Amino acid sequence: MRTYPAESACGFRYTRAEWGEFSNFYPLPRPIAAAPWSFPTSEHLYQAAKFAVAPNIQAHIAAAPTARDAARIGRNRGLPASPFWNEMRVDAMRWTIRRKLETVPELLLPILERTAERPIVEISTRDPFWGAAPADGGTVYRGRNALGRLWMELRQQLRDGDPRARADAWRDGLTIGKLAATPD
């Protein structure tokens, strides 16, 4: 569990609010291309990544009308997620946000730069793993904030010229690489 001061954090919860572009539900001006599909949000891509063993489910997620619909499909525990998904989900999200950045750098790079050194926090009252919830009367956010931390990691890698800031640095080590293969 981590704590972030609310007054200095670049907190995002709603796609139309400040910093909303960091949200996986943010509707992109151009879809993210991966394999034979295009994904209108990074949520679509992340949810599809769970099903490298089921291209038909990936296609269904890619065609979902909204990010919320894509999440609902992807969270269905009755569907055959890739083996060891929980162990690879952080690397899958790491890859996903890099694909998002590479798809719309003109949108995301200036916003990422505006965060300066401030913490980036996904504000979530329901998911303390990916986000952090307001606490202590709203003065802080508490949670693991894995998504916000991945954005901060990417920000630092870009500043350092680190090649791990590129999506292709992560895809090969993941089962998600099957997403780039044409389905049978």
N, C-alpha and C. Protein backbone atom coordinates (compact mmCIF):
# COMPACT_ATOMS: atom_id res chain seq x y z
N MET A 1 0.84 -1.18 0.00
CA MET A 1 0.00 0.00 0.00
C MET A 1 0.88 1.24 0.00
N ARG A 2 0.56 2.17 -0.88
CA ARG A 2 1.32 3.42 -0.97
C ARG A 2 0.39 4.59 -0.69
N THR A 3 0.98 5.71 -0.30
CA THR A 3 0.22 6.92 -0.02
C THR A 3 0.77 8.06 -0.87
N TYR A 4 -0.15 8.83 -1.47
CA TYR A 4 0.21 9.95 -2.33
C TYR A 4 -0.54 11.19 -1.85
N PRO A 5 0.14 12.32 -1.69
CA PRO A 5 -0.57 13.55 -1.28
C PRO A 5 -1.49 14.02 -2.41
N ALA A 6 -2.75 14.21 -2.10
CA ALA A 6 -3.75 14.56 -3.12
C ALA A 6 -3.46 15.90 -3.78
N GLU A 7 -2.97 16.88 -3.01
CA GLU A 7 -2.79 18.22 -3.58
C GLU A 7 -1.70 18.28 -4.65
N SER A 8 -0.76 17.37 -4.61
CA SER A 8 0.31 17.42 -5.62
C SER A 8 0.20 16.32 -6.68
N ALA A 9 -0.75 15.43 -6.51
CA ALA A 9 -0.87 14.30 -7.44
C ALA A 9 -1.59 14.71 -8.72
N CYS A 10 -1.21 14.08 -9.80
CA CYS A 10 -1.93 14.18 -11.06
C CYS A 10 -2.91 13.00 -11.06
N GLY A 11 -4.03 13.22 -10.39
CA GLY A 11 -5.00 12.15 -10.19
C GLY A 11 -6.00 12.09 -11.34
N PHE A 12 -6.26 10.89 -11.82
CA PHE A 12 -7.24 10.74 -12.90
C PHE A 12 -8.27 9.69 -12.53
N ARG A 13 -9.50 10.02 -12.84
CA ARG A 13 -10.61 9.10 -12.61
C ARG A 13 -11.58 9.14 -13.79
N TYR A 14 -11.89 10.33 -14.25
CA TYR A 14 -12.84 10.51 -15.33
C TYR A 14 -12.12 10.92 -16.60
N THR A 15 -12.55 10.38 -17.72
CA THR A 15 -11.84 10.63 -18.98
C THR A 15 -11.94 12.07 -19.44
N ARG A 16 -12.98 12.78 -19.05
CA ARG A 16 -13.14 14.17 -19.50
C ARG A 16 -12.56 15.19 -18.52
N ALA A 17 -12.02 14.72 -17.42
CA ALA A 17 -11.41 15.61 -16.43
C ALA A 17 -9.91 15.74 -16.70
N GLU A 18 -9.28 16.67 -16.01
CA GLU A 18 -7.84 16.83 -16.16
C GLU A 18 -7.14 15.50 -15.89
N TRP A 19 -6.18 15.17 -16.68
CA TRP A 19 -5.37 13.95 -16.63
C TRP A 19 -6.16 12.71 -17.08
N GLY A 20 -7.37 12.90 -17.56
CA GLY A 20 -8.21 11.77 -17.98
C GLY A 20 -7.62 10.96 -19.11
N GLU A 21 -6.71 11.53 -19.85
CA GLU A 21 -6.06 10.81 -20.97
C GLU A 21 -5.27 9.60 -20.47
N PHE A 22 -4.88 9.59 -19.21
CA PHE A 22 -4.15 8.44 -18.67
C PHE A 22 -5.07 7.24 -18.42
N SER A 23 -6.36 7.48 -18.37
CA SER A 23 -7.32 6.40 -18.12
C SER A 23 -7.36 5.42 -19.28
N ASN A 24 -7.49 4.16 -18.98
CA ASN A 24 -7.63 3.15 -20.03
C ASN A 24 -8.97 3.27 -20.73
N PHE A 25 -9.91 3.99 -20.16
CA PHE A 25 -11.23 4.18 -20.76
C PHE A 25 -11.27 5.39 -21.69
N TYR A 26 -10.19 6.16 -21.76
CA TYR A 26 -10.15 7.36 -22.59
C TYR A 26 -10.30 6.98 -24.07
N PRO A 27 -11.31 7.55 -24.76
CA PRO A 27 -11.49 7.24 -26.19
C PRO A 27 -10.41 7.93 -27.03
N LEU A 28 -9.60 7.15 -27.69
CA LEU A 28 -8.47 7.69 -28.43
C LEU A 28 -8.90 8.28 -29.77
N PRO A 29 -8.19 9.31 -30.24
CA PRO A 29 -8.53 9.87 -31.55
C PRO A 29 -8.20 8.91 -32.71
N ARG A 30 -7.30 7.98 -32.47
CA ARG A 30 -6.97 6.91 -33.42
C ARG A 30 -6.91 5.60 -32.66
N PRO A 31 -7.41 4.53 -33.22
CA PRO A 31 -7.34 3.25 -32.50
C PRO A 31 -5.92 2.69 -32.47
N ILE A 32 -5.69 1.86 -31.48
CA ILE A 32 -4.42 1.16 -31.35
C ILE A 32 -4.48 -0.08 -32.24
N ALA A 33 -3.58 -0.18 -33.19
CA ALA A 33 -3.54 -1.35 -34.07
C ALA A 33 -2.70 -2.44 -33.42
N ALA A 34 -3.25 -3.64 -33.39
CA ALA A 34 -2.52 -4.80 -32.88
C ALA A 34 -3.12 -6.02 -33.56
N ALA A 35 -2.27 -6.76 -34.24
CA ALA A 35 -2.70 -7.94 -34.98
C ALA A 35 -3.73 -7.50 -36.03
N PRO A 36 -4.73 -8.31 -36.27
CA PRO A 36 -5.68 -7.92 -37.31
C PRO A 36 -6.75 -6.95 -36.80
N TRP A 37 -6.65 -6.50 -35.53
CA TRP A 37 -7.70 -5.67 -34.95
C TRP A 37 -7.21 -4.27 -34.64
N SER A 38 -8.19 -3.41 -34.42
CA SER A 38 -7.94 -2.06 -33.93
C SER A 38 -8.74 -1.90 -32.65
N PHE A 39 -8.12 -1.25 -31.67
CA PHE A 39 -8.71 -1.11 -30.35
C PHE A 39 -8.95 0.37 -30.06
N PRO A 40 -10.20 0.79 -29.85
CA PRO A 40 -10.50 2.21 -29.65
C PRO A 40 -9.99 2.78 -28.33
N THR A 41 -9.69 1.92 -27.37
CA THR A 41 -9.14 2.37 -26.08
C THR A 41 -8.07 1.39 -25.63
N SER A 42 -7.27 1.83 -24.69
CA SER A 42 -6.27 0.91 -24.14
C SER A 42 -6.94 -0.15 -23.27
N GLU A 43 -8.13 0.11 -22.76
CA GLU A 43 -8.87 -0.91 -22.01
C GLU A 43 -9.21 -2.08 -22.93
N HIS A 44 -9.64 -1.77 -24.14
CA HIS A 44 -9.94 -2.83 -25.12
C HIS A 44 -8.69 -3.70 -25.33
N LEU A 45 -7.55 -3.04 -25.55
CA LEU A 45 -6.32 -3.79 -25.83
C LEU A 45 -5.90 -4.62 -24.62
N TYR A 46 -5.93 -4.04 -23.44
CA TYR A 46 -5.53 -4.77 -22.24
C TYR A 46 -6.43 -5.98 -22.02
N GLN A 47 -7.74 -5.81 -22.15
CA GLN A 47 -8.66 -6.93 -21.94
C GLN A 47 -8.43 -8.01 -22.99
N ALA A 48 -8.18 -7.64 -24.24
CA ALA A 48 -7.92 -8.62 -25.29
C ALA A 48 -6.64 -9.39 -25.01
N ALA A 49 -5.68 -8.74 -24.37
CA ALA A 49 -4.40 -9.39 -24.07
C ALA A 49 -4.57 -10.59 -23.15
N LYS A 50 -5.63 -10.61 -22.37
CA LYS A 50 -5.88 -11.74 -21.46
C LYS A 50 -6.14 -13.04 -22.22
N PHE A 51 -6.51 -12.92 -23.49
CA PHE A 51 -7.02 -14.08 -24.21
C PHE A 51 -6.16 -14.43 -25.43
N ALA A 52 -4.85 -14.46 -25.23
CA ALA A 52 -3.94 -14.83 -26.31
C ALA A 52 -4.23 -16.23 -26.83
N VAL A 53 -4.88 -17.04 -26.02
CA VAL A 53 -5.23 -18.41 -26.42
C VAL A 53 -6.59 -18.47 -27.11
N ALA A 54 -7.27 -17.33 -27.23
CA ALA A 54 -8.63 -17.32 -27.79
C ALA A 54 -8.84 -16.11 -28.70
N PRO A 55 -8.33 -16.16 -29.93
CA PRO A 55 -8.49 -15.01 -30.83
C PRO A 55 -9.93 -14.62 -31.09
N ASN A 56 -10.86 -15.55 -30.99
CA ASN A 56 -12.27 -15.20 -31.19
C ASN A 56 -12.75 -14.25 -30.08
N ILE A 57 -12.26 -14.44 -28.87
CA ILE A 57 -12.62 -13.55 -27.76
C ILE A 57 -11.93 -12.20 -27.96
N GLN A 58 -10.69 -12.21 -28.42
CA GLN A 58 -10.00 -10.95 -28.70
C GLN A 58 -10.78 -10.14 -29.73
N ALA A 59 -11.26 -10.78 -30.77
CA ALA A 59 -12.03 -10.09 -31.81
C ALA A 59 -13.31 -9.51 -31.21
N HIS A 60 -13.95 -10.26 -30.34
CA HIS A 60 -15.19 -9.80 -29.68
C HIS A 60 -14.89 -8.56 -28.83
N ILE A 61 -13.79 -8.57 -28.11
CA ILE A 61 -13.40 -7.42 -27.28
C ILE A 61 -13.07 -6.23 -28.17
N ALA A 62 -12.33 -6.45 -29.24
CA ALA A 62 -11.97 -5.36 -30.15
C ALA A 62 -13.22 -4.68 -30.71
N ALA A 63 -14.28 -5.45 -30.93
CA ALA A 63 -15.52 -4.92 -31.50
C ALA A 63 -16.46 -4.33 -30.45
N ALA A 64 -16.13 -4.43 -29.19
CA ALA A 64 -17.00 -3.90 -28.13
C ALA A 64 -17.20 -2.40 -28.34
N PRO A 65 -18.44 -1.93 -28.22
CA PRO A 65 -18.71 -0.52 -28.51
C PRO A 65 -18.06 0.48 -27.55
N THR A 66 -17.84 0.08 -26.30
CA THR A 66 -17.24 1.00 -25.33
C THR A 66 -16.17 0.29 -24.51
N ALA A 67 -15.36 1.07 -23.82
CA ALA A 67 -14.35 0.51 -22.93
C ALA A 67 -15.01 -0.28 -21.81
N ARG A 68 -16.14 0.21 -21.33
CA ARG A 68 -16.86 -0.49 -20.27
C ARG A 68 -17.32 -1.86 -20.76
N ASP A 69 -17.79 -1.93 -22.00
CA ASP A 69 -18.20 -3.22 -22.57
C ASP A 69 -17.00 -4.15 -22.72
N ALA A 70 -15.87 -3.61 -23.18
CA ALA A 70 -14.66 -4.43 -23.31
C ALA A 70 -14.23 -4.97 -21.95
N ALA A 71 -14.30 -4.13 -20.92
CA ALA A 71 -13.93 -4.57 -19.56
C ALA A 71 -14.88 -5.66 -19.07
N ARG A 72 -16.17 -5.50 -19.33
CA ARG A 72 -17.15 -6.49 -18.90
C ARG A 72 -16.86 -7.85 -19.54
N ILE A 73 -16.54 -7.85 -20.82
CA ILE A 73 -16.21 -9.11 -21.50
C ILE A 73 -14.93 -9.70 -20.92
N GLY A 74 -13.91 -8.88 -20.81
CA GLY A 74 -12.62 -9.34 -20.33
C GLY A 74 -12.62 -9.83 -18.90
N ARG A 75 -13.53 -9.32 -18.10
CA ARG A 75 -13.58 -9.72 -16.69
C ARG A 75 -14.45 -10.94 -16.45
N ASN A 76 -15.02 -11.47 -17.49
CA ASN A 76 -15.87 -12.66 -17.37
C ASN A 76 -14.99 -13.85 -17.00
N ARG A 77 -15.12 -14.33 -15.79
CA ARG A 77 -14.29 -15.42 -15.28
C ARG A 77 -14.57 -16.75 -15.97
N GLY A 78 -15.66 -16.84 -16.71
CA GLY A 78 -15.99 -18.06 -17.44
C GLY A 78 -15.25 -18.21 -18.75
N LEU A 79 -14.54 -17.15 -19.16
CA LEU A 79 -13.79 -17.20 -20.42
C LEU A 79 -12.36 -17.69 -20.18
N PRO A 80 -11.75 -18.32 -21.19
CA PRO A 80 -10.41 -18.93 -21.02
C PRO A 80 -9.26 -17.92 -21.11
N ALA A 81 -8.97 -17.27 -19.99
CA ALA A 81 -7.83 -16.34 -19.96
C ALA A 81 -6.52 -17.11 -20.15
N SER A 82 -5.51 -16.40 -20.60
CA SER A 82 -4.19 -17.00 -20.79
C SER A 82 -3.68 -17.57 -19.47
N PRO A 83 -2.93 -18.68 -19.54
CA PRO A 83 -2.35 -19.23 -18.31
C PRO A 83 -1.43 -18.19 -17.65
N PHE A 84 -1.45 -18.17 -16.36
CA PHE A 84 -0.59 -17.28 -15.59
C PHE A 84 -0.90 -15.79 -15.82
N TRP A 85 -2.15 -15.48 -16.19
CA TRP A 85 -2.51 -14.09 -16.46
C TRP A 85 -2.18 -13.18 -15.28
N ASN A 86 -2.50 -13.59 -14.06
CA ASN A 86 -2.24 -12.71 -12.91
C ASN A 86 -0.76 -12.38 -12.77
N GLU A 87 0.10 -13.32 -13.11
CA GLU A 87 1.54 -13.07 -13.01
C GLU A 87 2.04 -12.14 -14.11
N MET A 88 1.34 -12.07 -15.22
CA MET A 88 1.83 -11.26 -16.34
C MET A 88 1.02 -9.98 -16.58
N ARG A 89 0.01 -9.74 -15.76
CA ARG A 89 -0.89 -8.62 -16.03
C ARG A 89 -0.21 -7.26 -15.93
N VAL A 90 0.76 -7.11 -15.04
CA VAL A 90 1.45 -5.82 -14.94
C VAL A 90 2.30 -5.58 -16.19
N ASP A 91 3.01 -6.60 -16.66
CA ASP A 91 3.77 -6.44 -17.90
C ASP A 91 2.85 -6.21 -19.09
N ALA A 92 1.67 -6.83 -19.07
CA ALA A 92 0.70 -6.60 -20.15
C ALA A 92 0.22 -5.16 -20.13
N MET A 93 -0.01 -4.61 -18.94
CA MET A 93 -0.43 -3.20 -18.85
C MET A 93 0.72 -2.28 -19.26
N ARG A 94 1.93 -2.65 -18.88
CA ARG A 94 3.12 -1.88 -19.27
C ARG A 94 3.17 -1.78 -20.80
N TRP A 95 2.99 -2.92 -21.47
CA TRP A 95 2.98 -2.97 -22.94
C TRP A 95 1.81 -2.16 -23.50
N THR A 96 0.65 -2.29 -22.88
CA THR A 96 -0.55 -1.60 -23.35
C THR A 96 -0.38 -0.10 -23.34
N ILE A 97 0.13 0.47 -22.25
CA ILE A 97 0.24 1.94 -22.22
C ILE A 97 1.34 2.43 -23.16
N ARG A 98 2.34 1.60 -23.43
CA ARG A 98 3.34 1.99 -24.41
C ARG A 98 2.74 2.00 -25.82
N ARG A 99 1.90 1.01 -26.11
CA ARG A 99 1.21 0.99 -27.40
C ARG A 99 0.31 2.22 -27.53
N LYS A 100 -0.35 2.57 -26.44
CA LYS A 100 -1.21 3.75 -26.43
C LYS A 100 -0.39 5.00 -26.72
N LEU A 101 0.72 5.17 -26.04
CA LEU A 101 1.58 6.33 -26.25
C LEU A 101 2.10 6.37 -27.68
N GLU A 102 2.51 5.24 -28.22
CA GLU A 102 3.05 5.20 -29.58
C GLU A 102 1.96 5.46 -30.62
N THR A 103 0.71 5.21 -30.28
CA THR A 103 -0.39 5.46 -31.20
C THR A 103 -0.74 6.95 -31.27
N VAL A 104 -0.73 7.62 -30.13
CA VAL A 104 -1.11 9.04 -30.09
C VAL A 104 -0.07 9.86 -29.29
N PRO A 105 1.19 9.86 -29.75
CA PRO A 105 2.21 10.59 -29.00
C PRO A 105 1.94 12.09 -28.93
N GLU A 106 1.33 12.64 -29.97
CA GLU A 106 1.04 14.08 -29.98
C GLU A 106 0.05 14.47 -28.89
N LEU A 107 -0.76 13.54 -28.46
CA LEU A 107 -1.71 13.76 -27.37
C LEU A 107 -1.04 13.53 -26.02
N LEU A 108 -0.37 12.39 -25.87
CA LEU A 108 0.10 11.95 -24.55
C LEU A 108 1.44 12.53 -24.11
N LEU A 109 2.37 12.73 -25.02
CA LEU A 109 3.68 13.23 -24.59
C LEU A 109 3.60 14.60 -23.89
N PRO A 110 2.85 15.57 -24.43
CA PRO A 110 2.77 16.85 -23.71
C PRO A 110 2.11 16.72 -22.33
N ILE A 111 1.12 15.87 -22.23
CA ILE A 111 0.45 15.68 -20.94
C ILE A 111 1.38 15.01 -19.95
N LEU A 112 2.10 14.00 -20.41
CA LEU A 112 3.06 13.31 -19.55
C LEU A 112 4.13 14.29 -19.08
N GLU A 113 4.59 15.15 -19.96
CA GLU A 113 5.60 16.15 -19.60
C GLU A 113 5.05 17.14 -18.56
N ARG A 114 3.78 17.52 -18.70
CA ARG A 114 3.16 18.46 -17.76
C ARG A 114 3.08 17.91 -16.34
N THR A 115 3.14 16.59 -16.19
CA THR A 115 3.09 16.03 -14.83
C THR A 115 4.35 16.35 -14.05
N ALA A 116 5.42 16.74 -14.76
CA ALA A 116 6.71 17.07 -14.14
C ALA A 116 7.18 15.89 -13.28
N GLU A 117 7.40 16.11 -12.00
CA GLU A 117 7.84 15.05 -11.10
C GLU A 117 6.72 14.59 -10.17
N ARG A 118 5.52 15.10 -10.40
CA ARG A 118 4.40 14.78 -9.51
C ARG A 118 3.95 13.33 -9.69
N PRO A 119 3.41 12.75 -8.63
CA PRO A 119 2.89 11.39 -8.76
C PRO A 119 1.66 11.36 -9.67
N ILE A 120 1.57 10.32 -10.47
CA ILE A 120 0.40 10.07 -11.31
C ILE A 120 -0.40 8.98 -10.61
N VAL A 121 -1.67 9.24 -10.34
CA VAL A 121 -2.48 8.34 -9.53
C VAL A 121 -3.81 8.07 -10.22
N GLU A 122 -4.13 6.79 -10.41
CA GLU A 122 -5.47 6.44 -10.83
C GLU A 122 -6.34 6.44 -9.58
N ILE A 123 -7.32 7.33 -9.54
CA ILE A 123 -8.19 7.42 -8.38
C ILE A 123 -9.28 6.36 -8.53
N SER A 124 -9.30 5.42 -7.61
CA SER A 124 -10.28 4.34 -7.67
C SER A 124 -10.69 3.94 -6.26
N THR A 125 -11.99 3.93 -6.03
CA THR A 125 -12.49 3.46 -4.74
C THR A 125 -12.79 1.97 -4.77
N ARG A 126 -12.64 1.34 -5.95
CA ARG A 126 -12.98 -0.08 -6.11
C ARG A 126 -11.78 -0.98 -6.37
N ASP A 127 -10.66 -0.43 -6.79
CA ASP A 127 -9.54 -1.27 -7.19
C ASP A 127 -8.23 -0.75 -6.61
N PRO A 128 -7.87 -1.19 -5.39
CA PRO A 128 -6.64 -0.71 -4.76
C PRO A 128 -5.37 -1.26 -5.40
N PHE A 129 -5.49 -2.24 -6.31
CA PHE A 129 -4.31 -2.74 -7.01
C PHE A 129 -3.90 -1.76 -8.11
N TRP A 130 -4.80 -1.47 -9.05
CA TRP A 130 -4.47 -0.59 -10.17
C TRP A 130 -4.53 0.88 -9.76
N GLY A 131 -5.32 1.22 -8.75
CA GLY A 131 -5.50 2.61 -8.36
C GLY A 131 -5.25 2.84 -6.89
N ALA A 132 -5.73 3.99 -6.44
CA ALA A 132 -5.63 4.39 -5.03
C ALA A 132 -6.87 5.18 -4.68
N ALA A 133 -7.37 5.00 -3.48
CA ALA A 133 -8.61 5.63 -3.04
C ALA A 133 -8.31 6.86 -2.18
N PRO A 134 -9.20 7.87 -2.25
CA PRO A 134 -9.07 9.00 -1.34
C PRO A 134 -9.15 8.51 0.11
N ALA A 135 -8.32 9.08 0.96
CA ALA A 135 -8.29 8.71 2.38
C ALA A 135 -7.99 9.96 3.20
N ASP A 136 -8.12 9.83 4.50
CA ASP A 136 -7.83 10.93 5.43
C ASP A 136 -8.53 12.21 5.01
N GLY A 137 -9.83 12.10 4.76
CA GLY A 137 -10.61 13.28 4.39
C GLY A 137 -10.28 13.81 3.00
N GLY A 138 -9.72 12.98 2.14
CA GLY A 138 -9.39 13.39 0.78
C GLY A 138 -8.05 14.07 0.64
N THR A 139 -7.25 14.06 1.70
CA THR A 139 -5.94 14.72 1.63
C THR A 139 -4.88 13.83 0.99
N VAL A 140 -5.14 12.53 0.96
CA VAL A 140 -4.19 11.59 0.35
C VAL A 140 -4.96 10.54 -0.44
N TYR A 141 -4.21 9.84 -1.29
CA TYR A 141 -4.72 8.65 -1.97
C TYR A 141 -3.92 7.47 -1.46
N ARG A 142 -4.62 6.34 -1.18
CA ARG A 142 -3.93 5.15 -0.72
C ARG A 142 -4.30 3.97 -1.59
N GLY A 143 -3.28 3.21 -1.99
CA GLY A 143 -3.48 2.01 -2.79
C GLY A 143 -2.17 1.64 -3.44
N ARG A 144 -2.17 0.54 -4.14
CA ARG A 144 -0.96 0.14 -4.84
C ARG A 144 -0.69 1.07 -6.03
N ASN A 145 -1.76 1.53 -6.69
CA ASN A 145 -1.63 2.46 -7.80
C ASN A 145 -0.73 1.93 -8.91
N ALA A 146 -0.89 0.67 -9.27
CA ALA A 146 -0.02 0.06 -10.28
C ALA A 146 -0.10 0.80 -11.60
N LEU A 147 -1.29 1.23 -12.03
CA LEU A 147 -1.38 1.93 -13.31
C LEU A 147 -0.66 3.27 -13.26
N GLY A 148 -0.88 4.03 -12.23
CA GLY A 148 -0.19 5.31 -12.10
C GLY A 148 1.32 5.14 -12.04
N ARG A 149 1.76 4.13 -11.33
CA ARG A 149 3.20 3.87 -11.22
C ARG A 149 3.79 3.46 -12.57
N LEU A 150 3.03 2.74 -13.38
CA LEU A 150 3.52 2.39 -14.73
C LEU A 150 3.66 3.63 -15.60
N TRP A 151 2.73 4.58 -15.47
CA TRP A 151 2.87 5.84 -16.20
C TRP A 151 4.10 6.62 -15.72
N MET A 152 4.36 6.62 -14.41
CA MET A 152 5.54 7.31 -13.89
C MET A 152 6.82 6.62 -14.36
N GLU A 153 6.81 5.29 -14.39
CA GLU A 153 7.96 4.53 -14.90
C GLU A 153 8.21 4.90 -16.36
N LEU A 154 7.16 4.93 -17.16
CA LEU A 154 7.31 5.28 -18.58
C LEU A 154 7.83 6.71 -18.72
N ARG A 155 7.31 7.63 -17.94
CA ARG A 155 7.78 9.02 -17.97
C ARG A 155 9.29 9.08 -17.74
N GLN A 156 9.77 8.35 -16.74
CA GLN A 156 11.20 8.36 -16.43
C GLN A 156 12.01 7.69 -17.54
N GLN A 157 11.52 6.58 -18.07
CA GLN A 157 12.23 5.90 -19.15
C GLN A 157 12.35 6.79 -20.38
N LEU A 158 11.30 7.53 -20.69
CA LEU A 158 11.37 8.45 -21.83
C LEU A 158 12.41 9.54 -21.59
N ARG A 159 12.44 10.07 -20.39
CA ARG A 159 13.42 11.11 -20.06
C ARG A 159 14.85 10.58 -20.13
N ASP A 160 15.02 9.32 -19.75
CA ASP A 160 16.35 8.72 -19.74
C ASP A 160 16.76 8.17 -21.11
N GLY A 161 15.85 8.17 -22.07
CA GLY A 161 16.15 7.57 -23.36
C GLY A 161 16.25 6.05 -23.26
N ASP A 162 15.61 5.46 -22.29
CA ASP A 162 15.66 4.02 -22.03
C ASP A 162 14.87 3.29 -23.12
N PRO A 163 15.47 2.30 -23.79
CA PRO A 163 14.74 1.58 -24.84
C PRO A 163 13.54 0.79 -24.32
N ARG A 164 13.46 0.57 -23.01
CA ARG A 164 12.30 -0.13 -22.46
C ARG A 164 11.03 0.72 -22.50
N ALA A 165 11.16 1.97 -22.92
CA ALA A 165 9.98 2.83 -23.07
C ALA A 165 9.20 2.45 -24.33
N ARG A 166 9.77 1.65 -25.21
CA ARG A 166 9.09 1.22 -26.44
C ARG A 166 8.26 -0.03 -26.18
N ALA A 167 7.12 -0.11 -26.82
CA ALA A 167 6.24 -1.27 -26.67
C ALA A 167 6.93 -2.56 -27.10
N ASP A 168 7.72 -2.51 -28.16
CA ASP A 168 8.34 -3.75 -28.65
C ASP A 168 9.38 -4.30 -27.67
N ALA A 169 9.79 -3.51 -26.70
CA ALA A 169 10.71 -4.01 -25.68
C ALA A 169 10.01 -4.98 -24.73
N TRP A 170 8.68 -4.94 -24.68
CA TRP A 170 7.93 -5.76 -23.73
C TRP A 170 7.17 -6.89 -24.39
N ARG A 171 6.76 -6.74 -25.61
CA ARG A 171 5.89 -7.73 -26.23
C ARG A 171 6.53 -9.11 -26.32
N ASP A 172 7.79 -9.18 -26.69
CA ASP A 172 8.41 -10.49 -26.93
C ASP A 172 8.47 -11.37 -25.69
N GLY A 173 8.54 -10.76 -24.53
CA GLY A 173 8.64 -11.55 -23.32
C GLY A 173 7.31 -12.00 -22.75
N LEU A 174 6.25 -11.69 -23.45
CA LEU A 174 4.92 -11.98 -22.92
C LEU A 174 4.14 -12.90 -23.84
N THR A 175 3.23 -13.63 -23.27
CA THR A 175 2.30 -14.40 -24.06
C THR A 175 1.48 -13.47 -24.94
N ILE A 176 1.40 -12.22 -24.53
CA ILE A 176 0.65 -11.23 -25.29
C ILE A 176 1.19 -11.11 -26.71
N GLY A 177 2.42 -11.52 -26.92
CA GLY A 177 2.98 -11.47 -28.27
C GLY A 177 2.13 -12.22 -29.26
N LYS A 178 1.36 -13.18 -28.80
CA LYS A 178 0.48 -13.93 -29.69
C LYS A 178 -0.61 -13.02 -30.25
N LEU A 179 -0.85 -11.92 -29.61
CA LEU A 179 -1.84 -10.99 -30.12
C LEU A 179 -1.43 -10.47 -31.49
N ALA A 180 -0.13 -10.40 -31.73
CA ALA A 180 0.36 -9.89 -33.00
C ALA A 180 0.32 -10.94 -34.10
N ALA A 181 -0.02 -12.16 -33.78
CA ALA A 181 -0.10 -13.22 -34.78
C ALA A 181 -1.51 -13.27 -35.37
N THR A 182 -1.60 -13.65 -36.60
CA THR A 182 -2.91 -13.78 -37.21
C THR A 182 -3.62 -15.01 -36.62
N PRO A 183 -4.87 -14.83 -36.20
CA PRO A 183 -5.57 -15.96 -35.61
C PRO A 183 -5.85 -17.05 -36.63
N ASP A 184 -5.98 -18.29 -36.15
CA ASP A 184 -6.26 -19.41 -37.04
C ASP A 184 -7.69 -19.38 -37.54
